[in-house]
Amino acid sequence: MKLSMGSVSRTVLRGVVAGAAAALAVPATVATAVTPGATPPGLSCETGKHEIDDYTGYALCRNDGSAAQTFWVHLVCGWSPDVDGEHVTLDPGQSGQSTAHCAGLGTGIGEISVRP
């Protein structure tokens, strides 16, 4: 079988294009996964995305400790800058929520964590 330089170039080009497409497909699936962060001691927290808006995240926490605690939600926003929600101070036994919103230019929320 005799290969011409043109057919070899097309074969190499197809391999490069297929490899590039596969490499680009991986980050898109990684960016949609939301990884929960660790909850600070003394707080019981639930984190998640807003039902209607994938760019808004929240932390709903209850203070199970014996002293007042302050917390806030932290969102890792992909291509946009990370954001922090409002600081919420809870007395023992109280519950509260902190919310934040990633800029619409990026890939959305990649991770949600609660900061003390």
N, C-alpha and C. Protein backbone atom coordinates (compact mmCIF):
# COMPACT_ATOMS: atom_id res chain seq x y z
N MET A 1 0.85 -1.17 0.00
CA MET A 1 0.00 0.00 0.00
C MET A 1 0.89 1.23 0.00
N LYS A 2 0.63 2.12 -0.90
CA LYS A 2 1.42 3.33 -1.02
C LYS A 2 0.58 4.50 -0.52
N LEU A 3 1.13 5.27 0.43
CA LEU A 3 0.44 6.43 0.98
C LEU A 3 1.04 7.69 0.38
N SER A 4 0.18 8.57 0.00
CA SER A 4 0.68 9.86 -0.49
C SER A 4 0.82 10.79 0.71
N MET A 5 1.59 11.85 0.54
CA MET A 5 1.80 12.81 1.61
C MET A 5 0.48 13.45 2.02
N GLY A 6 -0.45 13.65 1.07
CA GLY A 6 -1.75 14.25 1.37
C GLY A 6 -2.59 13.37 2.26
N SER A 7 -2.62 12.06 2.01
CA SER A 7 -3.44 11.16 2.83
C SER A 7 -2.85 11.02 4.23
N VAL A 8 -1.52 11.05 4.35
CA VAL A 8 -0.89 10.99 5.67
C VAL A 8 -1.24 12.24 6.46
N SER A 9 -1.19 13.39 5.82
CA SER A 9 -1.51 14.65 6.50
C SER A 9 -2.95 14.68 6.96
N ARG A 10 -3.88 14.18 6.13
CA ARG A 10 -5.29 14.15 6.52
C ARG A 10 -5.49 13.21 7.70
N THR A 11 -4.82 12.07 7.70
CA THR A 11 -4.94 11.11 8.80
C THR A 11 -4.41 11.71 10.09
N VAL A 12 -3.28 12.37 10.04
CA VAL A 12 -2.72 13.02 11.22
C VAL A 12 -3.65 14.12 11.71
N LEU A 13 -4.18 14.92 10.78
CA LEU A 13 -5.08 16.00 11.15
C LEU A 13 -6.35 15.46 11.81
N ARG A 14 -6.92 14.38 11.29
CA ARG A 14 -8.11 13.78 11.91
C ARG A 14 -7.82 13.34 13.34
N GLY A 15 -6.63 12.75 13.55
CA GLY A 15 -6.26 12.31 14.90
C GLY A 15 -6.11 13.48 15.86
N VAL A 16 -5.53 14.58 15.38
CA VAL A 16 -5.36 15.77 16.22
C VAL A 16 -6.72 16.37 16.57
N VAL A 17 -7.61 16.48 15.59
CA VAL A 17 -8.94 17.04 15.83
C VAL A 17 -9.72 16.16 16.80
N ALA A 18 -9.67 14.85 16.63
CA ALA A 18 -10.39 13.94 17.54
C ALA A 18 -9.83 14.05 18.95
N GLY A 19 -8.51 14.13 19.08
CA GLY A 19 -7.90 14.27 20.41
C GLY A 19 -8.26 15.58 21.07
N ALA A 20 -8.29 16.66 20.30
CA ALA A 20 -8.65 17.96 20.85
C ALA A 20 -10.11 17.98 21.30
N ALA A 21 -10.99 17.37 20.52
CA ALA A 21 -12.41 17.32 20.89
C ALA A 21 -12.59 16.53 22.18
N ALA A 22 -11.87 15.44 22.33
CA ALA A 22 -11.96 14.64 23.56
C ALA A 22 -11.43 15.43 24.75
N ALA A 23 -10.35 16.17 24.57
CA ALA A 23 -9.78 16.97 25.66
C ALA A 23 -10.72 18.08 26.07
N LEU A 24 -11.43 18.69 25.13
CA LEU A 24 -12.37 19.75 25.46
C LEU A 24 -13.62 19.21 26.13
N ALA A 25 -14.00 18.00 25.86
CA ALA A 25 -15.21 17.42 26.45
C ALA A 25 -15.05 17.15 27.93
N VAL A 26 -13.87 16.86 28.41
CA VAL A 26 -13.66 16.53 29.82
C VAL A 26 -13.94 17.71 30.74
N PRO A 27 -13.38 18.91 30.51
CA PRO A 27 -13.68 20.01 31.41
C PRO A 27 -15.15 20.38 31.48
N ALA A 28 -15.90 20.22 30.40
CA ALA A 28 -17.31 20.57 30.43
C ALA A 28 -18.07 19.71 31.43
N THR A 29 -17.77 18.44 31.52
CA THR A 29 -18.46 17.59 32.49
C THR A 29 -17.96 17.85 33.90
N VAL A 30 -16.70 18.18 34.06
CA VAL A 30 -16.15 18.48 35.38
C VAL A 30 -16.76 19.76 35.93
N ALA A 31 -16.97 20.75 35.07
CA ALA A 31 -17.49 22.04 35.52
C ALA A 31 -18.91 21.96 36.04
N THR A 32 -19.69 20.97 35.64
CA THR A 32 -21.07 20.89 36.08
C THR A 32 -21.22 20.18 37.43
N ALA A 33 -20.19 19.50 37.88
CA ALA A 33 -20.27 18.80 39.16
C ALA A 33 -20.09 19.81 40.30
N VAL A 34 -20.91 19.70 41.34
CA VAL A 34 -20.78 20.55 42.52
C VAL A 34 -20.23 19.71 43.66
N THR A 35 -19.10 20.15 44.19
CA THR A 35 -18.47 19.43 45.29
C THR A 35 -18.76 20.15 46.59
N PRO A 36 -19.38 19.48 47.57
CA PRO A 36 -19.64 20.15 48.83
C PRO A 36 -18.36 20.25 49.66
N GLY A 37 -18.20 21.35 50.37
CA GLY A 37 -17.05 21.53 51.25
C GLY A 37 -17.37 21.02 52.65
N ALA A 38 -16.36 21.02 53.51
CA ALA A 38 -16.53 20.56 54.89
C ALA A 38 -17.32 21.60 55.68
N THR A 39 -18.13 21.12 56.64
CA THR A 39 -18.90 22.00 57.50
C THR A 39 -18.09 22.31 58.75
N PRO A 40 -18.03 23.59 59.15
CA PRO A 40 -17.29 23.94 60.37
C PRO A 40 -17.88 23.25 61.60
N PRO A 41 -17.05 22.95 62.61
CA PRO A 41 -17.54 22.29 63.83
C PRO A 41 -18.62 23.12 64.53
N GLY A 42 -19.62 22.44 65.06
CA GLY A 42 -20.71 23.10 65.79
C GLY A 42 -21.87 23.53 64.92
N LEU A 43 -21.72 23.40 63.60
CA LEU A 43 -22.80 23.76 62.68
C LEU A 43 -23.27 22.52 61.92
N SER A 44 -24.58 22.41 61.70
CA SER A 44 -25.13 21.41 60.79
C SER A 44 -25.62 22.20 59.59
N CYS A 45 -25.08 21.88 58.41
CA CYS A 45 -25.40 22.68 57.22
C CYS A 45 -25.83 21.82 56.05
N GLU A 46 -26.71 22.40 55.27
CA GLU A 46 -27.12 21.83 53.99
C GLU A 46 -26.75 22.87 52.94
N THR A 47 -26.07 22.44 51.88
CA THR A 47 -25.70 23.36 50.81
C THR A 47 -26.31 22.89 49.51
N GLY A 48 -26.47 23.82 48.58
CA GLY A 48 -27.00 23.43 47.27
C GLY A 48 -27.16 24.62 46.36
N LYS A 49 -27.67 24.32 45.16
CA LYS A 49 -27.98 25.33 44.16
C LYS A 49 -29.46 25.67 44.25
N HIS A 50 -29.79 26.89 43.88
CA HIS A 50 -31.18 27.32 43.80
C HIS A 50 -31.90 26.46 42.76
N GLU A 51 -33.16 26.14 43.00
CA GLU A 51 -33.92 25.27 42.09
C GLU A 51 -34.02 25.81 40.67
N ILE A 52 -34.15 27.13 40.53
CA ILE A 52 -34.38 27.72 39.22
C ILE A 52 -33.11 28.32 38.62
N ASP A 53 -32.16 28.73 39.46
CA ASP A 53 -30.98 29.45 39.01
C ASP A 53 -29.71 28.69 39.39
N ASP A 54 -29.04 28.07 38.41
CA ASP A 54 -27.83 27.29 38.67
C ASP A 54 -26.63 28.14 39.08
N TYR A 55 -26.75 29.45 39.04
CA TYR A 55 -25.66 30.34 39.42
C TYR A 55 -25.79 30.85 40.86
N THR A 56 -26.88 30.50 41.54
CA THR A 56 -27.10 30.92 42.93
C THR A 56 -26.97 29.71 43.84
N GLY A 57 -26.11 29.84 44.85
CA GLY A 57 -25.90 28.76 45.81
C GLY A 57 -26.22 29.23 47.22
N TYR A 58 -26.45 28.28 48.12
CA TYR A 58 -26.82 28.63 49.49
C TYR A 58 -26.20 27.66 50.49
N ALA A 59 -26.16 28.12 51.74
CA ALA A 59 -25.82 27.28 52.89
C ALA A 59 -26.87 27.57 53.95
N LEU A 60 -27.62 26.56 54.32
CA LEU A 60 -28.63 26.66 55.38
C LEU A 60 -28.06 25.92 56.58
N CYS A 61 -27.79 26.66 57.67
CA CYS A 61 -27.09 26.07 58.81
C CYS A 61 -27.87 26.24 60.11
N ARG A 62 -27.60 25.32 61.02
CA ARG A 62 -28.13 25.36 62.39
C ARG A 62 -26.94 25.32 63.33
N ASN A 63 -26.96 26.17 64.36
CA ASN A 63 -25.91 26.19 65.37
C ASN A 63 -26.23 25.15 66.43
N ASP A 64 -25.48 24.05 66.44
CA ASP A 64 -25.66 22.98 67.42
C ASP A 64 -24.74 23.16 68.62
N GLY A 65 -23.93 24.21 68.62
CA GLY A 65 -22.97 24.45 69.69
C GLY A 65 -23.57 25.20 70.86
N SER A 66 -22.68 25.64 71.78
CA SER A 66 -23.13 26.35 72.98
C SER A 66 -22.74 27.83 72.95
N ALA A 67 -22.16 28.30 71.85
CA ALA A 67 -21.78 29.71 71.71
C ALA A 67 -22.22 30.20 70.33
N ALA A 68 -22.35 31.52 70.20
CA ALA A 68 -22.72 32.12 68.92
C ALA A 68 -21.65 31.80 67.86
N GLN A 69 -22.09 31.57 66.64
CA GLN A 69 -21.17 31.28 65.54
C GLN A 69 -21.57 32.09 64.31
N THR A 70 -20.56 32.51 63.56
CA THR A 70 -20.78 33.22 62.30
C THR A 70 -20.32 32.32 61.16
N PHE A 71 -21.09 32.29 60.08
CA PHE A 71 -20.73 31.50 58.90
C PHE A 71 -21.14 32.27 57.66
N TRP A 72 -20.66 31.82 56.51
CA TRP A 72 -21.08 32.33 55.21
C TRP A 72 -20.82 31.27 54.16
N VAL A 73 -21.56 31.34 53.07
CA VAL A 73 -21.38 30.41 51.96
C VAL A 73 -20.27 30.95 51.05
N HIS A 74 -19.47 30.04 50.50
CA HIS A 74 -18.41 30.39 49.54
C HIS A 74 -18.65 29.57 48.28
N LEU A 75 -18.74 30.26 47.13
CA LEU A 75 -18.96 29.58 45.84
C LEU A 75 -17.72 29.68 44.97
N VAL A 76 -17.28 28.55 44.45
CA VAL A 76 -16.24 28.52 43.42
C VAL A 76 -16.99 28.58 42.10
N CYS A 77 -16.71 29.61 41.32
CA CYS A 77 -17.55 29.94 40.16
C CYS A 77 -16.91 29.63 38.80
N GLY A 78 -16.01 28.73 38.71
CA GLY A 78 -15.45 28.38 37.41
C GLY A 78 -14.64 29.52 36.84
N TRP A 79 -15.02 30.01 35.66
CA TRP A 79 -14.27 31.05 34.97
C TRP A 79 -14.48 32.43 35.59
N SER A 80 -15.55 32.62 36.34
CA SER A 80 -15.81 33.90 37.00
C SER A 80 -15.14 33.90 38.38
N PRO A 81 -14.94 35.09 38.97
CA PRO A 81 -14.35 35.14 40.31
C PRO A 81 -15.23 34.42 41.34
N ASP A 82 -14.60 33.80 42.33
CA ASP A 82 -15.33 33.15 43.41
C ASP A 82 -16.05 34.23 44.23
N VAL A 83 -17.14 33.85 44.88
CA VAL A 83 -17.92 34.81 45.66
C VAL A 83 -18.28 34.26 47.03
N ASP A 84 -18.45 35.18 47.99
CA ASP A 84 -18.90 34.85 49.34
C ASP A 84 -20.28 35.45 49.56
N GLY A 85 -21.10 34.73 50.32
CA GLY A 85 -22.41 35.24 50.70
C GLY A 85 -22.31 36.11 51.93
N GLU A 86 -23.46 36.59 52.36
CA GLU A 86 -23.51 37.44 53.55
C GLU A 86 -23.11 36.63 54.79
N HIS A 87 -22.48 37.32 55.75
CA HIS A 87 -22.09 36.67 57.01
C HIS A 87 -23.32 36.61 57.91
N VAL A 88 -23.59 35.42 58.45
CA VAL A 88 -24.76 35.20 59.29
C VAL A 88 -24.27 34.73 60.66
N THR A 89 -24.75 35.38 61.73
CA THR A 89 -24.39 34.98 63.09
C THR A 89 -25.60 34.32 63.73
N LEU A 90 -25.36 33.12 64.27
CA LEU A 90 -26.42 32.34 64.89
C LEU A 90 -26.12 32.10 66.36
N ASP A 91 -27.11 32.33 67.22
CA ASP A 91 -27.00 31.94 68.62
C ASP A 91 -27.26 30.43 68.70
N PRO A 92 -26.89 29.78 69.82
CA PRO A 92 -27.14 28.33 69.94
C PRO A 92 -28.61 28.00 69.67
N GLY A 93 -28.82 26.97 68.84
CA GLY A 93 -30.17 26.51 68.50
C GLY A 93 -30.81 27.24 67.33
N GLN A 94 -30.24 28.34 66.89
CA GLN A 94 -30.81 29.11 65.77
C GLN A 94 -30.38 28.54 64.43
N SER A 95 -31.19 28.82 63.41
CA SER A 95 -30.88 28.45 62.02
C SER A 95 -30.87 29.71 61.17
N GLY A 96 -30.11 29.68 60.08
CA GLY A 96 -30.06 30.80 59.16
C GLY A 96 -29.47 30.39 57.83
N GLN A 97 -29.57 31.28 56.86
CA GLN A 97 -29.12 30.97 55.50
C GLN A 97 -28.26 32.10 54.95
N SER A 98 -27.21 31.72 54.22
CA SER A 98 -26.36 32.64 53.49
C SER A 98 -26.44 32.25 52.02
N THR A 99 -26.60 33.23 51.13
CA THR A 99 -26.67 32.94 49.70
C THR A 99 -25.64 33.79 48.95
N ALA A 100 -25.25 33.32 47.78
CA ALA A 100 -24.33 34.04 46.91
C ALA A 100 -24.67 33.70 45.46
N HIS A 101 -24.17 34.53 44.54
CA HIS A 101 -24.51 34.38 43.13
C HIS A 101 -23.26 34.53 42.27
N CYS A 102 -22.98 33.51 41.45
CA CYS A 102 -21.86 33.58 40.49
C CYS A 102 -22.26 34.44 39.30
N ALA A 103 -21.29 35.13 38.72
CA ALA A 103 -21.56 35.93 37.53
C ALA A 103 -22.02 35.03 36.38
N GLY A 104 -22.90 35.53 35.55
CA GLY A 104 -23.46 34.76 34.44
C GLY A 104 -22.48 34.49 33.31
N LEU A 105 -21.32 35.12 33.33
CA LEU A 105 -20.34 34.92 32.26
C LEU A 105 -19.63 33.59 32.35
N GLY A 106 -19.53 33.03 33.53
CA GLY A 106 -18.72 31.83 33.76
C GLY A 106 -19.46 30.53 33.51
N THR A 107 -18.91 29.49 34.09
CA THR A 107 -19.43 28.14 33.90
C THR A 107 -20.38 27.72 35.01
N GLY A 108 -20.70 28.60 35.93
CA GLY A 108 -21.60 28.28 37.02
C GLY A 108 -20.85 27.80 38.25
N ILE A 109 -21.58 27.24 39.18
CA ILE A 109 -21.02 26.82 40.47
C ILE A 109 -20.28 25.50 40.31
N GLY A 110 -19.03 25.48 40.75
CA GLY A 110 -18.23 24.25 40.74
C GLY A 110 -18.10 23.63 42.11
N GLU A 111 -18.18 24.46 43.16
CA GLU A 111 -18.07 23.97 44.54
C GLU A 111 -18.78 24.93 45.47
N ILE A 112 -19.42 24.37 46.49
CA ILE A 112 -20.09 25.16 47.52
C ILE A 112 -19.51 24.73 48.86
N SER A 113 -19.04 25.71 49.65
CA SER A 113 -18.53 25.38 50.98
C SER A 113 -19.05 26.40 51.98
N VAL A 114 -18.95 26.01 53.26
CA VAL A 114 -19.36 26.88 54.37
C VAL A 114 -18.08 27.32 55.07
N ARG A 115 -17.96 28.63 55.25
CA ARG A 115 -16.76 29.18 55.91
C ARG A 115 -17.14 29.69 57.30
N PRO A 116 -16.27 29.49 58.28
CA PRO A 116 -16.55 30.02 59.64
C PRO A 116 -16.13 31.46 59.78
